[in-house]
Amino acid sequence: MSLPSPLPADLWDKTPADVRAAVLALVQSFEKRIADLEARLAQDSSNSSKPPSSEPLHVKRQPPRPRTGRRPGGQFGHKRHARELVPPERLADAIDCRPGRCCRCGDHLHGDDPEPIRHQVAEVPEVRPEVIEYRLHRLTCPRCGVATRGRLPAGVPRGGFGPRLQSLLSVLGGVYRLSKRLVRRLAGDLLGLSISTGAVAKLQRRTAEALAKPMEQIVAAVRSAPAVHVDETGWRQEGAKAWLWVAATGDATAFQIHRSRGAKALEALLGPDPGEGRVIISDRFPTYARAPNRQLCWAHLRRDFTAMIDRSAGGEVVGQRLLDQSRWIYTWWDRLRGGSLRRSTLQAYVAGLRRSVEHLLREGAGCPCEWTATVCRSLLEAGPHLWTFAAVEGVAPDNNAAERALRHGVIWRKLSLGTASVMGSRFVERMLSVVETCRQRGRDVLAYLTACVRSGLEGTPASSPLA
């Protein structure tokens, strides 16, 4: 047994064998624990699931790209992008500007140019709320003496704010992530509107109620999709820990705030059997392991391979070779989406890559770094879940769609620190879901929200956000 360095040699020689064994075991335990803690401290967004926003300033950044020598801005041959001119029927006014004299000889000019140069200037008029007063007359019956009050017309809210204004204030909070106090101030500064913070909260609750049916339609569309990207992030509800979940497809996205990060939350989002009839694209979080059809996110796997290198505990070579091999996946995937690679060719390429990756994983499973060996063994057990994207149409090799959709919720959480009530969580869920789905389908968010609020006031069903 080797001598622990701080102990004198003569003292170590006098120590009984069983005590030496106990000391060495304790030292090895401490060394392992210290190595694990150092590896944790070295984690960042490049080698773990930590988001870039959580990193302090001193964390290493991606190396700068080498200079190309080209001037900044659009390059030669770049297609010019210009703001489209507003058609004549939508102009507020058209002013003809004719020259009075020739710019060369000074002679008087007359007539019209059949094709004048069109220069349009967009301006915002002074915005003031349009206030409509409803006078409810109370008339007394000459026969029985009972006073009867007139009723508001159908679709007129009982409160003091119309459906479009309610939707606008909800968009400021739910899309642009303004706090209720900032919404109140903005309404006063830009609209000249006097409104309390409590009234803003009440209008947002009413908007959430108006979006209940559209939310059900979005969830149903997500559950029926053949492939769905799923992810989750931390949230705070009523001061307690919760989770914001997202399920994203090509044309619909559903959000949900749930107390659990486990199977109950996944079932609430995707139905009693989350894996039935669909492929779930996700990271390696254990909750998703119950789904029979999965695609593990290769973007997360690349971070794991980078972590193998950064740990410097014996897994560097395997991690580097796995990282190099994984680059081919994105090269081929970009070519497939661009139309320069057929799926049958992709499947042939992936078959060869799979053999190489599995060989490296078996090599890594025997690595002296326990963390690297554990990751490699788990990926070997995952087996076909690494390669579903090559076999199934519509399945991507990464979970970037869910992470991009979740980013808006993450920023909302950082600004608001969560929600103070269950109804506040419903507002977050439904606004995020409806806004993201409308944007995926190219729909006007404010116009759709206004239509939903107006339908709620009139007692008619709201139109589907999937139309």
Protein backbone atom coordinates (compact mmCIF):
# COMPACT_ATOMS: atom_id res chain seq x y z
CA MET A 1 0.00 0.00 0.00
CA SER A 2 1.40 3.38 -1.03
CA LEU A 3 2.05 6.08 1.53
CA PRO A 4 -0.36 9.06 1.60
CA SER A 5 1.94 12.03 0.93
CA PRO A 6 1.26 14.16 4.07
CA LEU A 7 2.16 11.31 6.49
CA PRO A 8 5.76 10.75 7.68
CA ALA A 9 7.26 7.45 6.48
CA ASP A 10 8.17 6.21 9.98
CA LEU A 11 4.62 6.83 11.25
CA TRP A 12 3.15 5.02 8.25
CA ASP A 13 5.43 2.02 8.83
CA LYS A 14 4.25 1.73 12.44
CA THR A 15 0.58 1.86 11.42
CA PRO A 16 -1.28 -1.51 11.49
CA ALA A 17 -2.28 -2.95 8.10
CA ASP A 18 -6.03 -2.72 8.71
CA VAL A 19 -5.70 0.96 9.70
CA ARG A 20 -3.62 1.61 6.55
CA ALA A 21 -6.36 0.05 4.42
CA ALA A 22 -9.03 2.18 6.11
CA VAL A 23 -6.98 5.37 5.63
CA LEU A 24 -6.31 4.60 1.96
CA ALA A 25 -10.00 3.87 1.37
CA LEU A 26 -10.91 7.17 3.02
CA VAL A 27 -8.34 9.07 0.95
CA GLN A 28 -9.64 7.50 -2.28
CA SER A 29 -13.19 8.41 -1.30
CA PHE A 30 -12.18 12.02 -0.69
CA GLU A 31 -10.22 12.18 -3.95
CA LYS A 32 -13.22 10.92 -5.90
CA ARG A 33 -15.52 13.40 -4.20
CA ILE A 34 -13.13 16.28 -4.87
CA ALA A 35 -12.85 15.24 -8.53
CA ASP A 36 -16.66 15.19 -8.83
CA LEU A 37 -16.96 18.64 -7.24
CA GLU A 38 -14.27 20.04 -9.54
CA ALA A 39 -16.10 18.57 -12.53
CA ARG A 40 -19.29 20.26 -11.38
CA LEU A 41 -17.55 23.59 -11.06
CA ALA A 42 -16.23 23.18 -14.61
CA GLN A 43 -19.71 22.67 -16.06
CA ASP A 44 -21.05 25.30 -18.45
CA SER A 45 -23.42 25.44 -21.41
CA SER A 46 -20.91 23.71 -23.70
CA ASN A 47 -20.58 20.51 -21.62
CA SER A 48 -23.86 20.27 -19.69
CA SER A 49 -27.55 21.17 -19.86
CA LYS A 50 -26.94 24.52 -18.17
CA PRO A 51 -28.32 27.42 -20.25
CA PRO A 52 -25.85 30.10 -21.43
CA SER A 53 -27.74 32.74 -19.41
CA SER A 54 -26.73 31.01 -16.16
CA GLU A 55 -23.00 31.44 -16.76
CA PRO A 56 -20.88 34.08 -15.01
CA LEU A 57 -18.65 36.40 -17.00
CA HIS A 58 -15.43 34.45 -16.42
CA VAL A 59 -16.69 31.23 -18.08
CA LYS A 60 -14.91 30.29 -21.29
CA ARG A 61 -16.61 31.33 -24.50
CA GLN A 62 -16.59 29.83 -27.93
CA PRO A 63 -13.39 30.87 -29.78
CA PRO A 64 -13.96 33.70 -32.26
CA ARG A 65 -14.36 32.75 -35.88
CA PRO A 66 -11.38 33.56 -38.09
CA ARG A 67 -11.76 36.71 -40.15
CA THR A 68 -12.73 36.18 -43.76
CA GLY A 69 -11.33 39.47 -45.02
CA ARG A 70 -14.71 40.52 -46.43
CA ARG A 71 -16.32 43.84 -45.58
CA PRO A 72 -19.26 43.74 -43.14
CA GLY A 73 -22.80 43.86 -44.48
CA GLY A 74 -24.39 42.33 -47.55
CA GLN A 75 -21.94 40.71 -49.96
CA PHE A 76 -21.82 40.95 -53.74
CA GLY A 77 -24.71 39.02 -55.24
CA HIS A 78 -26.75 39.18 -52.03
CA LYS A 79 -30.45 39.56 -52.72
CA ARG A 80 -31.59 43.03 -51.71
CA HIS A 81 -34.32 43.19 -49.07
CA ALA A 82 -36.43 46.36 -48.98
CA ARG A 83 -39.62 47.31 -47.21
CA GLU A 84 -42.61 46.67 -49.45
CA LEU A 85 -44.60 49.71 -50.54
CA VAL A 86 -48.10 50.08 -49.18
CA PRO A 87 -50.75 49.73 -51.95
CA PRO A 88 -52.54 52.97 -52.98
CA GLU A 89 -55.87 51.96 -51.42
CA ARG A 90 -54.24 51.80 -47.96
CA LEU A 91 -52.56 55.22 -48.13
CA ALA A 92 -53.76 57.92 -45.76
CA ASP A 93 -52.76 60.58 -48.28
CA ALA A 94 -50.76 60.99 -51.49
CA ILE A 95 -48.88 64.23 -52.13
CA ASP A 96 -47.49 65.05 -55.59
CA CYS A 97 -44.12 66.81 -55.57
CA ARG A 98 -43.44 68.48 -58.96
CA PRO A 99 -40.33 70.48 -59.79
CA GLY A 100 -41.06 74.10 -60.69
CA ARG A 101 -37.95 74.77 -62.79
CA CYS A 102 -35.37 72.83 -64.77
CA CYS A 103 -32.32 71.96 -62.67
CA ARG A 104 -30.04 72.85 -65.62
CA CYS A 105 -31.41 75.89 -67.45
CA GLY A 106 -34.04 77.12 -64.99
CA ASP A 107 -36.95 77.04 -67.47
CA HIS A 108 -40.49 76.49 -66.09
CA LEU A 109 -41.75 72.88 -66.03
CA HIS A 110 -45.32 71.65 -66.47
CA GLY A 111 -47.18 68.33 -66.66
CA ASP A 112 -47.12 65.00 -64.81
CA ASP A 113 -44.71 62.06 -64.64
CA PRO A 114 -46.64 58.87 -65.58
CA GLU A 115 -44.37 56.79 -63.31
CA PRO A 116 -43.17 59.04 -60.46
CA ILE A 117 -40.72 57.77 -57.86
CA ARG A 118 -42.74 56.61 -54.85
CA HIS A 119 -41.38 57.60 -51.45
CA GLN A 120 -43.53 56.45 -48.53
CA VAL A 121 -43.21 57.63 -44.93
CA ALA A 122 -44.92 55.61 -42.19
CA GLU A 123 -46.11 57.55 -39.16
CA VAL A 124 -48.09 56.66 -36.08
CA PRO A 125 -50.99 59.01 -35.40
CA GLU A 126 -51.68 60.25 -31.92
CA VAL A 127 -53.33 57.33 -30.15
CA ARG A 128 -56.24 57.97 -27.85
CA PRO A 129 -58.76 55.37 -26.70
CA GLU A 130 -62.13 55.58 -28.39
CA VAL A 131 -64.63 55.74 -25.55
CA ILE A 132 -68.22 54.69 -26.21
CA GLU A 133 -70.79 55.51 -23.57
CA TYR A 134 -73.80 53.25 -23.06
CA ARG A 135 -76.59 55.07 -21.25
CA LEU A 136 -78.77 52.61 -19.38
CA HIS A 137 -82.09 54.30 -18.86
CA ARG A 138 -84.25 53.33 -15.90
CA LEU A 139 -87.93 53.73 -16.69
CA THR A 140 -90.79 53.35 -14.24
CA CYS A 141 -93.83 51.40 -15.26
CA PRO A 142 -96.96 53.62 -15.04
CA ARG A 143 -99.06 50.58 -14.26
CA CYS A 144 -97.16 48.77 -11.45
CA GLY A 145 -94.58 51.39 -10.52
CA VAL A 146 -91.54 49.07 -10.95
CA ALA A 147 -88.38 50.65 -12.42
CA THR A 148 -86.72 48.69 -15.25
CA ARG A 149 -83.16 49.37 -16.39
CA GLY A 150 -81.99 49.01 -19.98
CA ARG A 151 -79.51 46.23 -20.82
CA LEU A 152 -76.14 46.40 -22.51
CA PRO A 153 -76.11 45.16 -26.13
CA ALA A 154 -74.71 41.68 -26.78
CA GLY A 155 -70.92 41.62 -26.84
CA VAL A 156 -70.42 44.73 -24.69
CA PRO A 157 -68.24 43.93 -21.64
CA ARG A 158 -69.53 44.73 -18.17
CA GLY A 159 -66.15 46.24 -17.36
CA GLY A 160 -64.72 49.44 -18.74
CA PHE A 161 -62.39 48.01 -21.39
CA GLY A 162 -63.24 46.62 -24.83
CA PRO A 163 -62.04 43.32 -26.32
CA ARG A 164 -59.28 44.80 -28.48
CA LEU A 165 -57.89 46.89 -25.63
CA GLN A 166 -58.05 43.85 -23.33
CA SER A 167 -56.17 41.78 -25.91
CA LEU A 168 -53.58 44.52 -26.41
CA LEU A 169 -52.83 44.75 -22.68
CA SER A 170 -52.64 40.94 -22.51
CA VAL A 171 -50.19 40.89 -25.42
CA LEU A 172 -47.97 43.42 -23.66
CA GLY A 173 -47.79 41.12 -20.66
CA GLY A 174 -47.91 37.72 -22.34
CA VAL A 175 -45.87 38.33 -25.50
CA TYR A 176 -43.55 41.21 -24.63
CA ARG A 177 -43.17 40.10 -20.99
CA LEU A 178 -43.99 43.45 -19.38
CA SER A 179 -44.96 43.40 -15.72
CA LYS A 180 -48.44 44.54 -14.74
CA ARG A 181 -47.05 47.82 -13.44
CA LEU A 182 -45.20 48.44 -16.71
CA VAL A 183 -48.35 47.61 -18.68
CA ARG A 184 -50.23 50.19 -16.59
CA ARG A 185 -47.53 52.81 -17.21
CA LEU A 186 -47.32 52.07 -20.93
CA ALA A 187 -51.10 52.35 -21.23
CA GLY A 188 -50.88 55.79 -19.66
CA ASP A 189 -47.85 56.99 -21.64
CA LEU A 190 -48.88 55.76 -25.11
CA LEU A 191 -52.66 55.56 -24.93
CA GLY A 192 -53.51 58.20 -22.33
CA LEU A 193 -55.43 55.47 -20.51
CA SER A 194 -56.00 55.46 -16.78
CA ILE A 195 -55.99 51.86 -15.48
CA SER A 196 -54.98 50.24 -12.21
CA THR A 197 -52.59 47.32 -11.78
CA GLY A 198 -55.45 45.24 -10.41
CA ALA A 199 -57.51 45.94 -13.52
CA VAL A 200 -54.62 44.76 -15.70
CA ALA A 201 -54.50 41.50 -13.74
CA LYS A 202 -58.27 41.07 -14.07
CA LEU A 203 -58.14 41.60 -17.84
CA GLN A 204 -55.38 39.00 -18.16
CA ARG A 205 -57.49 36.50 -16.20
CA ARG A 206 -60.42 37.13 -18.54
CA THR A 207 -58.16 36.63 -21.54
CA ALA A 208 -56.99 33.31 -20.08
CA GLU A 209 -60.64 32.24 -19.68
CA ALA A 210 -61.36 33.20 -23.31
CA LEU A 211 -58.43 31.02 -24.46
CA ALA A 212 -59.56 27.87 -22.63
CA LYS A 213 -61.14 26.25 -25.70
CA PRO A 214 -58.34 27.19 -28.13
CA MET A 215 -55.88 25.74 -25.62
CA GLU A 216 -57.74 22.42 -25.68
CA GLN A 217 -57.56 22.39 -29.48
CA ILE A 218 -53.82 23.04 -29.43
CA VAL A 219 -53.21 20.24 -26.91
CA ALA A 220 -55.33 17.85 -29.01
CA ALA A 221 -53.30 18.73 -32.13
CA VAL A 222 -50.02 18.15 -30.30
CA ARG A 223 -51.20 14.79 -28.94
CA SER A 224 -52.22 13.59 -32.40
CA ALA A 225 -48.91 14.54 -34.05
CA PRO A 226 -46.63 11.67 -35.16
CA ALA A 227 -43.53 13.39 -33.68
CA VAL A 228 -43.32 15.88 -30.82
CA HIS A 229 -40.42 17.74 -29.21
CA VAL A 230 -40.70 17.84 -25.40
CA ASP A 231 -38.68 19.77 -22.82
CA GLU A 232 -39.13 21.37 -19.39
CA THR A 233 -37.60 24.07 -17.22
CA GLY A 234 -37.98 25.24 -13.66
CA TRP A 235 -40.81 27.57 -12.61
CA ARG A 236 -42.23 29.09 -9.42
CA GLN A 237 -45.95 28.96 -8.66
CA GLU A 238 -47.29 30.48 -5.43
CA GLY A 239 -43.75 30.51 -4.08
CA ALA A 240 -43.28 26.74 -4.56
CA LYS A 241 -41.23 24.78 -7.08
CA ALA A 242 -42.97 23.91 -10.34
CA TRP A 243 -42.03 23.14 -13.95
CA LEU A 244 -42.88 24.75 -17.27
CA TRP A 245 -43.31 22.02 -19.91
CA VAL A 246 -43.48 22.44 -23.67
CA ALA A 247 -44.55 20.06 -26.44
CA ALA A 248 -43.79 21.38 -29.94
CA THR A 249 -44.70 20.06 -33.38
CA GLY A 250 -44.33 21.57 -36.82
CA ASP A 251 -47.55 23.60 -36.61
CA ALA A 252 -48.65 23.69 -32.95
CA THR A 253 -46.99 24.22 -29.56
CA ALA A 254 -48.50 23.58 -26.13
CA PHE A 255 -47.17 24.79 -22.77
CA GLN A 256 -48.09 23.56 -19.32
CA ILE A 257 -47.10 24.51 -15.76
CA HIS A 258 -47.14 21.51 -13.44
CA ARG A 259 -45.97 20.82 -9.90
CA SER A 260 -44.25 17.64 -11.05
CA ARG A 261 -41.29 16.94 -13.31
CA GLY A 262 -42.23 13.28 -13.54
CA ALA A 263 -44.64 10.99 -15.36
CA LYS A 264 -47.78 12.76 -14.10
CA ALA A 265 -46.81 16.00 -15.81
CA LEU A 266 -45.86 14.23 -19.04
CA GLU A 267 -49.22 12.41 -19.06
CA ALA A 268 -51.08 15.66 -18.41
CA LEU A 269 -49.39 17.18 -21.44
CA LEU A 270 -49.39 14.28 -23.92
CA GLY A 271 -52.17 12.05 -22.61
CA PRO A 272 -52.37 8.84 -20.53
CA ASP A 273 -49.97 6.99 -22.83
CA PRO A 274 -47.39 9.61 -23.93
CA GLY A 275 -45.50 7.24 -26.22
CA GLU A 276 -48.46 5.72 -28.06
CA GLY A 277 -48.35 6.31 -31.81
CA ARG A 278 -45.73 9.03 -31.73
CA VAL A 279 -42.00 9.66 -31.48
CA ILE A 280 -40.86 11.84 -28.57
CA ILE A 281 -37.72 13.90 -29.21
CA SER A 282 -36.12 14.80 -25.88
CA ASP A 283 -32.99 14.83 -23.77
CA ARG A 284 -31.92 11.92 -21.53
CA PHE A 285 -34.04 12.93 -18.52
CA PRO A 286 -35.44 9.68 -16.98
CA THR A 287 -39.10 10.78 -17.26
CA TYR A 288 -38.99 10.32 -21.04
CA ALA A 289 -37.58 6.78 -20.82
CA ARG A 290 -41.09 5.33 -20.48
CA ALA A 291 -41.87 6.32 -24.07
CA PRO A 292 -41.25 3.32 -26.40
CA ASN A 293 -40.50 5.50 -29.45
CA ARG A 294 -37.88 8.17 -28.80
CA GLN A 295 -35.16 10.23 -30.39
CA LEU A 296 -32.43 11.38 -28.04
CA CYS A 297 -31.20 14.91 -28.66
CA TRP A 298 -27.76 14.86 -30.29
CA ALA A 299 -27.14 18.46 -29.24
CA HIS A 300 -27.29 17.28 -25.61
CA LEU A 301 -25.12 14.27 -26.43
CA ARG A 302 -22.46 16.54 -27.92
CA ARG A 303 -22.37 18.43 -24.63
CA ASP A 304 -21.86 15.12 -22.83
CA PHE A 305 -18.97 14.29 -25.14
CA THR A 306 -17.45 17.72 -24.47
CA ALA A 307 -17.81 17.07 -20.73
CA MET A 308 -15.84 13.82 -21.15
CA ILE A 309 -13.00 15.88 -22.58
CA ASP A 310 -13.18 18.65 -19.99
CA ARG A 311 -13.17 16.27 -17.01
CA SER A 312 -9.62 15.15 -17.85
CA ALA A 313 -10.20 11.90 -15.98
CA GLY A 314 -9.35 9.34 -18.64
CA GLY A 315 -12.27 9.84 -21.05
CA GLU A 316 -10.73 12.57 -23.18
CA VAL A 317 -9.83 10.40 -26.18
CA VAL A 318 -13.22 8.67 -26.34
CA GLY A 319 -15.05 11.97 -25.86
CA GLN A 320 -13.11 13.67 -28.65
CA ARG A 321 -13.67 10.80 -31.09
CA LEU A 322 -17.41 10.69 -30.28
CA LEU A 323 -17.62 14.46 -30.74
CA ASP A 324 -15.89 14.18 -34.13
CA GLN A 325 -18.21 11.40 -35.27
CA SER A 326 -21.35 13.31 -34.20
CA ARG A 327 -20.53 16.19 -36.56
CA TRP A 328 -21.42 13.97 -39.52
CA ILE A 329 -25.02 13.76 -38.30
CA TYR A 330 -25.58 17.49 -38.73
CA THR A 331 -23.73 17.57 -42.03
CA TRP A 332 -25.97 14.87 -43.48
CA TRP A 333 -29.12 16.27 -41.88
CA ASP A 334 -28.54 19.70 -43.43
CA ARG A 335 -28.06 18.07 -46.82
CA LEU A 336 -31.26 16.04 -46.38
CA ARG A 337 -33.28 19.15 -45.57
CA GLY A 338 -31.65 21.03 -48.46
CA GLY A 339 -32.64 18.32 -50.92
CA SER A 340 -29.11 17.27 -51.88
CA LEU A 341 -29.29 13.95 -50.00
CA ARG A 342 -31.94 11.24 -50.24
CA ARG A 343 -33.23 9.50 -47.14
CA SER A 344 -32.08 6.10 -48.37
CA THR A 345 -28.55 7.49 -48.70
CA LEU A 346 -28.80 9.03 -45.22
CA GLN A 347 -29.82 5.66 -43.79
CA ALA A 348 -26.82 3.98 -45.43
CA TYR A 349 -24.47 6.62 -44.03
CA VAL A 350 -26.01 6.35 -40.55
CA ALA A 351 -25.67 2.56 -40.54
CA GLY A 352 -21.89 2.88 -40.88
CA LEU A 353 -21.73 5.71 -38.35
CA ARG A 354 -23.78 3.69 -35.88
CA ARG A 355 -21.27 0.85 -35.88
CA SER A 356 -18.43 3.28 -35.28
CA VAL A 357 -20.25 5.12 -32.46
CA GLU A 358 -21.27 1.87 -30.72
CA HIS A 359 -17.67 0.69 -30.85
CA LEU A 360 -16.54 3.93 -29.20
CA LEU A 361 -19.30 3.65 -26.57
CA ARG A 362 -18.19 0.12 -25.67
CA GLU A 363 -14.66 1.43 -25.38
CA GLY A 364 -15.88 4.29 -23.18
CA ALA A 365 -17.88 1.90 -20.98
CA GLY A 366 -14.56 0.50 -19.74
CA CYS A 367 -13.03 3.94 -19.23
CA PRO A 368 -11.34 4.69 -15.86
CA CYS A 369 -13.53 7.81 -15.53
CA GLU A 370 -16.66 6.54 -13.80
CA TRP A 371 -18.86 9.35 -15.11
CA THR A 372 -17.78 8.76 -18.72
CA ALA A 373 -18.27 5.00 -18.34
CA THR A 374 -21.80 5.53 -16.92
CA VAL A 375 -22.81 7.82 -19.80
CA CYS A 376 -21.45 5.39 -22.41
CA ARG A 377 -23.28 2.45 -20.83
CA SER A 378 -26.56 4.37 -20.75
CA LEU A 379 -26.18 5.31 -24.44
CA LEU A 380 -25.48 1.69 -25.34
CA GLU A 381 -28.70 0.74 -23.54
CA ALA A 382 -30.58 3.47 -25.41
CA GLY A 383 -29.57 1.73 -28.66
CA PRO A 384 -32.00 2.57 -31.48
CA HIS A 385 -33.24 5.74 -29.75
CA LEU A 386 -30.10 7.45 -31.03
CA TRP A 387 -30.94 6.81 -34.68
CA THR A 388 -34.72 7.21 -35.03
CA PHE A 389 -34.29 10.38 -37.11
CA ALA A 390 -32.82 8.37 -39.99
CA ALA A 391 -35.68 5.86 -40.13
CA VAL A 392 -38.78 7.99 -39.40
CA GLU A 393 -39.92 10.89 -41.56
CA GLY A 394 -40.46 14.15 -39.65
CA VAL A 395 -38.12 13.30 -36.74
CA ALA A 396 -35.16 15.64 -36.18
CA PRO A 397 -31.87 14.50 -34.61
CA ASP A 398 -32.06 17.19 -31.92
CA ASN A 399 -34.56 18.86 -29.62
CA ASN A 400 -33.81 22.42 -30.70
CA ALA A 401 -37.46 23.11 -31.61
CA ALA A 402 -38.58 22.62 -27.99
CA GLU A 403 -35.62 24.56 -26.59
CA ARG A 404 -36.30 27.52 -28.87
CA ALA A 405 -39.99 27.53 -27.90
CA LEU A 406 -39.09 27.26 -24.21
CA ARG A 407 -36.72 30.22 -24.33
CA HIS A 408 -39.58 32.75 -24.20
CA GLY A 409 -40.88 31.09 -21.03
CA VAL A 410 -37.40 31.07 -19.48
CA ILE A 411 -37.02 34.82 -20.01
CA TRP A 412 -40.54 35.37 -18.62
CA ARG A 413 -39.57 33.41 -15.49
CA LYS A 414 -36.38 35.41 -15.02
CA LEU A 415 -38.29 38.69 -15.24
CA SER A 416 -41.37 37.76 -13.20
CA LEU A 417 -39.93 35.07 -10.88
CA GLY A 418 -42.91 32.86 -11.72
CA THR A 419 -46.62 33.23 -11.03
CA ALA A 420 -48.41 34.11 -7.81
CA SER A 421 -51.56 32.05 -8.47
CA VAL A 422 -52.91 29.08 -10.39
CA MET A 423 -54.89 31.41 -12.65
CA GLY A 424 -51.69 33.32 -13.36
CA SER A 425 -50.13 30.04 -14.50
CA ARG A 426 -53.10 29.41 -16.79
CA PHE A 427 -52.54 32.83 -18.36
CA VAL A 428 -48.87 31.99 -18.98
CA GLU A 429 -49.67 28.56 -20.45
CA ARG A 430 -52.42 29.73 -22.75
CA MET A 431 -50.73 32.90 -23.94
CA LEU A 432 -47.48 31.08 -24.72
CA SER A 433 -49.35 28.28 -26.50
CA VAL A 434 -51.65 30.50 -28.57
CA VAL A 435 -48.94 33.01 -29.49
CA GLU A 436 -46.42 30.35 -30.55
CA THR A 437 -49.04 28.42 -32.53
CA CYS A 438 -50.30 31.57 -34.28
CA ARG A 439 -46.75 32.49 -35.24
CA GLN A 440 -46.10 29.01 -36.59
CA ARG A 441 -49.17 29.38 -38.79
CA GLY A 442 -48.53 32.98 -39.81
CA ARG A 443 -51.59 34.39 -38.02
CA ASP A 444 -51.97 37.87 -36.54
CA VAL A 445 -51.69 37.33 -32.77
CA LEU A 446 -53.54 40.48 -31.69
CA ALA A 447 -56.36 39.96 -34.19
CA TYR A 448 -56.84 36.35 -33.07
CA LEU A 449 -56.85 37.23 -29.36
CA THR A 450 -59.35 40.00 -29.99
CA ALA A 451 -61.62 37.57 -31.83
CA CYS A 452 -61.42 35.10 -28.92
CA VAL A 453 -62.24 37.76 -26.33
CA ARG A 454 -65.13 39.05 -28.45
CA SER A 455 -66.47 35.50 -28.86
CA GLY A 456 -66.40 35.06 -25.09
CA LEU A 457 -68.41 38.24 -24.62
CA GLU A 458 -70.97 37.21 -27.24
CA GLY A 459 -71.25 33.65 -25.95
CA THR A 460 -70.14 32.11 -29.25
CA PRO A 461 -67.36 29.51 -29.69
CA ALA A 462 -63.91 30.92 -30.44
CA SER A 463 -62.33 30.11 -33.77
CA SER A 464 -59.61 27.48 -33.82
CA PRO A 465 -56.00 28.70 -33.74
CA LEU A 466 -55.21 25.81 -36.08
CA ALA A 467 -57.37 27.11 -38.92
